[in-house]
């Protein structure tokens, strides 16, 4: 089974520390499913290069 998408795997995610980062100016948990985000909803998820799933 394929691993689910996580915010930390998105090219828009900029790490702040080991647990959270910033995405489009919003602080998010890295292990969050982007589809659960109110602002993103997974629509803007783009895998980081080399991490396509």
PDB file of N, CA and C in Angstrom:
ATOM      1  N   UNK A   1       0.853  -1.189   0.000  1.00  0.00           N
ATOM      2  CA  UNK A   1       0.000   0.000   0.000  1.00  0.00           C
ATOM      3  C   UNK A   1       0.892   1.243   0.000  1.00  0.00           C
ATOM      4  N   UNK A   2       0.562   2.234  -0.800  1.00  0.00           N
ATOM      5  CA  UNK A   2       1.343   3.467  -0.877  1.00  0.00           C
ATOM      6  C   UNK A   2       1.181   4.276   0.400  1.00  0.00           C
ATOM      7  N   UNK A   3       2.268   4.914   0.778  1.00  0.00           N
ATOM      8  CA  UNK A   3       2.236   5.766   1.964  1.00  0.00           C
ATOM      9  C   UNK A   3       1.442   7.029   1.640  1.00  0.00           C
ATOM     10  N   UNK A   4       0.701   7.527   2.616  1.00  0.00           N
ATOM     11  CA  UNK A   4      -0.115   8.714   2.398  1.00  0.00           C
ATOM     12  C   UNK A   4       0.739   9.968   2.316  1.00  0.00           C
ATOM     13  N   UNK A   5       0.207  10.991   1.665  1.00  0.00           N
ATOM     14  CA  UNK A   5       0.879  12.286   1.573  1.00  0.00           C
ATOM     15  C   UNK A   5       0.941  12.922   2.959  1.00  0.00           C
ATOM     16  N   UNK A   6       2.001  13.631   3.217  1.00  0.00           N
ATOM     17  CA  UNK A   6       2.169  14.388   4.448  1.00  0.00           C
ATOM     18  C   UNK A   6       2.668  15.779   4.081  1.00  0.00           C
ATOM     19  N   UNK A   7       2.289  16.768   4.854  1.00  0.00           N
ATOM     20  CA  UNK A   7       2.686  18.146   4.572  1.00  0.00           C
ATOM     21  C   UNK A   7       4.200  18.273   4.417  1.00  0.00           C
ATOM     22  N   UNK A   8       4.980  17.550   5.235  1.00  0.00           N
ATOM     23  CA  UNK A   8       6.443  17.667   5.167  1.00  0.00           C
ATOM     24  C   UNK A   8       6.999  17.178   3.836  1.00  0.00           C
ATOM     25  N   UNK A   9       6.214  16.430   3.063  1.00  0.00           N
ATOM     26  CA  UNK A   9       6.655  15.917   1.769  1.00  0.00           C
ATOM     27  C   UNK A   9       6.329  16.863   0.614  1.00  0.00           C
ATOM     28  N   UNK A  10       5.729  17.996   0.915  1.00  0.00           N
ATOM     29  CA  UNK A  10       5.323  18.962  -0.109  1.00  0.00           C
ATOM     30  C   UNK A  10       6.433  19.984  -0.364  1.00  0.00           C
ATOM     31  N   UNK A  11       6.574  20.402  -1.606  1.00  0.00           N
ATOM     32  CA  UNK A  11       7.602  21.373  -1.965  1.00  0.00           C
ATOM     33  C   UNK A  11       7.328  22.760  -1.365  1.00  0.00           C
ATOM     34  N   UNK A  12       6.096  23.028  -0.949  1.00  0.00           N
ATOM     35  CA  UNK A  12       5.755  24.329  -0.359  1.00  0.00           C
ATOM     36  C   UNK A  12       6.033  24.382   1.145  1.00  0.00           C
ATOM     37  N   UNK A  13       6.305  23.242   1.757  1.00  0.00           N
ATOM     38  CA  UNK A  13       6.529  23.138   3.208  1.00  0.00           C
ATOM     39  C   UNK A  13       7.962  23.557   3.539  1.00  0.00           C
ATOM     40  N   UNK A  14       8.105  24.509   4.464  1.00  0.00           N
ATOM     41  CA  UNK A  14       9.411  24.982   4.923  1.00  0.00           C
ATOM     42  C   UNK A  14       9.535  24.658   6.411  1.00  0.00           C
ATOM     43  N   UNK A  15      10.440  23.737   6.779  1.00  0.00           N
ATOM     44  CA  UNK A  15      10.552  23.309   8.184  1.00  0.00           C
ATOM     45  C   UNK A  15      10.912  24.453   9.131  1.00  0.00           C
ATOM     46  N   UNK A  16      10.279  24.439  10.304  1.00  0.00           N
ATOM     47  CA  UNK A  16      10.612  25.359  11.393  1.00  0.00           C
ATOM     48  C   UNK A  16      11.430  24.591  12.427  1.00  0.00           C
ATOM     49  N   UNK A  17      10.976  23.385  12.750  1.00  0.00           N
ATOM     50  CA  UNK A  17      11.690  22.483  13.659  1.00  0.00           C
ATOM     51  C   UNK A  17      11.364  21.050  13.244  1.00  0.00           C
ATOM     52  N   UNK A  18      11.630  20.076  14.111  1.00  0.00           N
ATOM     53  CA  UNK A  18      11.418  18.674  13.755  1.00  0.00           C
ATOM     54  C   UNK A  18       9.955  18.288  13.568  1.00  0.00           C
ATOM     55  N   UNK A  19       9.030  19.043  14.168  1.00  0.00           N
ATOM     56  CA  UNK A  19       7.614  18.675  14.133  1.00  0.00           C
ATOM     57  C   UNK A  19       6.742  19.549  13.241  1.00  0.00           C
ATOM     58  N   UNK A  20       7.114  20.801  13.060  1.00  0.00           N
ATOM     59  CA  UNK A  20       6.234  21.704  12.322  1.00  0.00           C
ATOM     60  C   UNK A  20       7.006  22.537  11.309  1.00  0.00           C
ATOM     61  N   UNK A  21       6.239  23.122  10.404  1.00  0.00           N
ATOM     62  CA  UNK A  21       6.815  23.951   9.366  1.00  0.00           C
ATOM     63  C   UNK A  21       5.813  24.995   8.919  1.00  0.00           C
ATOM     64  N   UNK A  22       6.185  25.719   7.881  1.00  0.00           N
ATOM     65  CA  UNK A  22       5.335  26.778   7.366  1.00  0.00           C
ATOM     66  C   UNK A  22       4.972  26.457   5.924  1.00  0.00           C
ATOM     67  N   UNK A  23       3.719  26.671   5.602  1.00  0.00           N
ATOM     68  CA  UNK A  23       3.229  26.448   4.246  1.00  0.00           C
ATOM     69  C   UNK A  23       2.358  27.636   3.848  1.00  0.00           C
ATOM     70  N   UNK A  24       2.811  28.391   2.868  1.00  0.00           N
ATOM     71  CA  UNK A  24       2.087  29.595   2.433  1.00  0.00           C
ATOM     72  C   UNK A  24       1.783  30.517   3.607  1.00  0.00           C
ATOM     73  N   UNK A  25       2.742  30.643   4.549  1.00  0.00           N
ATOM     74  CA  UNK A  25       2.595  31.556   5.679  1.00  0.00           C
ATOM     75  C   UNK A  25       1.795  30.997   6.842  1.00  0.00           C
ATOM     76  N   UNK A  26       1.361  29.740   6.755  1.00  0.00           N
ATOM     77  CA  UNK A  26       0.574  29.117   7.811  1.00  0.00           C
ATOM     78  C   UNK A  26       1.413  28.032   8.475  1.00  0.00           C
ATOM     79  N   UNK A  27       1.480  28.043   9.822  1.00  0.00           N
ATOM     80  CA  UNK A  27       2.218  27.012  10.544  1.00  0.00           C
ATOM     81  C   UNK A  27       1.406  25.719  10.567  1.00  0.00           C
ATOM     82  N   UNK A  28       2.040  24.616  10.161  1.00  0.00           N
ATOM     83  CA  UNK A  28       1.361  23.314  10.099  1.00  0.00           C
ATOM     84  C   UNK A  28       2.261  22.229  10.673  1.00  0.00           C
ATOM     85  N   UNK A  29       1.657  21.142  11.124  1.00  0.00           N
ATOM     86  CA  UNK A  29       2.423  19.984  11.575  1.00  0.00           C
ATOM     87  C   UNK A  29       2.905  19.226  10.343  1.00  0.00           C
ATOM     88  N   UNK A  30       4.144  18.773  10.372  1.00  0.00           N
ATOM     89  CA  UNK A  30       4.728  18.076   9.234  1.00  0.00           C
ATOM     90  C   UNK A  30       4.064  16.759   8.910  1.00  0.00           C
ATOM     91  N   UNK A  31       3.521  16.080   9.942  1.00  0.00           N
ATOM     92  CA  UNK A  31       2.913  14.769   9.688  1.00  0.00           C
ATOM     93  C   UNK A  31       1.421  14.861   9.399  1.00  0.00           C
ATOM     94  N   UNK A  32       0.928  16.050   9.139  1.00  0.00           N
ATOM     95  CA  UNK A  32      -0.482  16.249   8.823  1.00  0.00           C
ATOM     96  C   UNK A  32      -0.766  15.842   7.377  1.00  0.00           C
ATOM     97  N   UNK A  33      -1.937  15.294   7.153  1.00  0.00           N
ATOM     98  CA  UNK A  33      -2.400  14.981   5.806  1.00  0.00           C
ATOM     99  C   UNK A  33      -2.844  16.302   5.170  1.00  0.00           C
ATOM    100  N   UNK A  34      -2.249  16.710   4.040  1.00  0.00           N
ATOM    101  CA  UNK A  34      -2.616  17.995   3.437  1.00  0.00           C
ATOM    102  C   UNK A  34      -4.098  18.104   3.091  1.00  0.00           C
ATOM    103  N   UNK A  35      -4.767  16.991   2.860  1.00  0.00           N
ATOM    104  CA  UNK A  35      -6.196  17.019   2.547  1.00  0.00           C
ATOM    105  C   UNK A  35      -7.026  17.486   3.735  1.00  0.00           C
ATOM    106  N   UNK A  36      -6.455  17.403   4.957  1.00  0.00           N
ATOM    107  CA  UNK A  36      -7.170  17.823   6.160  1.00  0.00           C
ATOM    108  C   UNK A  36      -7.010  19.309   6.445  1.00  0.00           C
ATOM    109  N   UNK A  37      -6.131  19.974   5.734  1.00  0.00           N
ATOM    110  CA  UNK A  37      -5.881  21.390   5.950  1.00  0.00           C
ATOM    111  C   UNK A  37      -7.040  22.224   5.408  1.00  0.00           C
ATOM    112  N   UNK A  38      -7.506  23.174   6.215  1.00  0.00           N
ATOM    113  CA  UNK A  38      -8.613  24.031   5.783  1.00  0.00           C
ATOM    114  C   UNK A  38      -8.221  24.882   4.584  1.00  0.00           C
ATOM    115  N   UNK A  39      -7.005  25.418   4.591  1.00  0.00           N
ATOM    116  CA  UNK A  39      -6.582  26.313   3.516  1.00  0.00           C
ATOM    117  C   UNK A  39      -6.133  25.562   2.268  1.00  0.00           C
ATOM    118  N   UNK A  40      -5.441  24.437   2.447  1.00  0.00           N
ATOM    119  CA  UNK A  40      -4.899  23.698   1.308  1.00  0.00           C
ATOM    120  C   UNK A  40      -5.888  22.654   0.796  1.00  0.00           C
ATOM    121  N   UNK A  41      -6.350  21.819   1.694  1.00  0.00           N
ATOM    122  CA  UNK A  41      -7.247  20.738   1.295  1.00  0.00           C
ATOM    123  C   UNK A  41      -6.596  19.768   0.322  1.00  0.00           C
ATOM    124  N   UNK A  42      -5.259  19.821   0.235  1.00  0.00           N
ATOM    125  CA  UNK A  42      -4.529  18.955  -0.673  1.00  0.00           C
ATOM    126  C   UNK A  42      -4.461  19.477  -2.098  1.00  0.00           C
ATOM    127  N   UNK A  43      -5.141  20.576  -2.387  1.00  0.00           N
ATOM    128  CA  UNK A  43      -5.184  21.110  -3.757  1.00  0.00           C
ATOM    129  C   UNK A  43      -3.826  21.626  -4.230  1.00  0.00           C
ATOM    130  N   UNK A  44      -3.004  22.126  -3.287  1.00  0.00           N
ATOM    131  CA  UNK A  44      -1.730  22.743  -3.652  1.00  0.00           C
ATOM    132  C   UNK A  44      -0.540  21.829  -3.394  1.00  0.00           C
ATOM    133  N   UNK A  45      -0.809  20.582  -2.995  1.00  0.00           N
ATOM    134  CA  UNK A  45       0.273  19.646  -2.690  1.00  0.00           C
ATOM    135  C   UNK A  45       1.075  19.330  -3.944  1.00  0.00           C
ATOM    136  N   UNK A  46       2.390  19.549  -3.845  1.00  0.00           N
ATOM    137  CA  UNK A  46       3.320  19.182  -4.913  1.00  0.00           C
ATOM    138  C   UNK A  46       4.473  18.441  -4.245  1.00  0.00           C
ATOM    139  N   UNK A  47       4.706  17.181  -4.605  1.00  0.00           N
ATOM    140  CA  UNK A  47       5.775  16.418  -3.958  1.00  0.00           C
ATOM    141  C   UNK A  47       7.131  17.075  -4.163  1.00  0.00           C
ATOM    142  N   UNK A  48       7.972  17.000  -3.129  1.00  0.00           N
ATOM    143  CA  UNK A  48       9.338  17.470  -3.279  1.00  0.00           C
ATOM    144  C   UNK A  48      10.014  16.610  -4.315  1.00  0.00           C
ATOM    145  N   UNK A  49      10.944  17.152  -5.039  1.00  0.00           N
ATOM    146  CA  UNK A  49      11.664  16.402  -6.075  1.00  0.00           C
ATOM    147  C   UNK A  49      12.305  15.172  -5.444  1.00  0.00           C
ATOM    148  N   UNK A  50      12.149  14.041  -6.094  1.00  0.00           N
ATOM    149  CA  UNK A  50      12.703  12.794  -5.598  1.00  0.00           C
ATOM    150  C   UNK A  50      11.822  12.072  -4.602  1.00  0.00           C
ATOM    151  N   UNK A  51      10.639  12.640  -4.297  1.00  0.00           N
ATOM    152  CA  UNK A  51       9.734  12.011  -3.337  1.00  0.00           C
ATOM    153  C   UNK A  51       8.359  11.780  -3.942  1.00  0.00           C
ATOM    154  N   UNK A  52       8.267  11.691  -5.260  1.00  0.00           N
ATOM    155  CA  UNK A  52       6.968  11.466  -5.897  1.00  0.00           C
ATOM    156  C   UNK A  52       6.367  10.159  -5.439  1.00  0.00           C
ATOM    157  N   UNK A  53       5.047  10.178  -5.277  1.00  0.00           N
ATOM    158  CA  UNK A  53       4.324   8.974  -4.834  1.00  0.00           C
ATOM    159  C   UNK A  53       3.144   8.743  -5.726  1.00  0.00           C
TER     160      UNK A  53
END
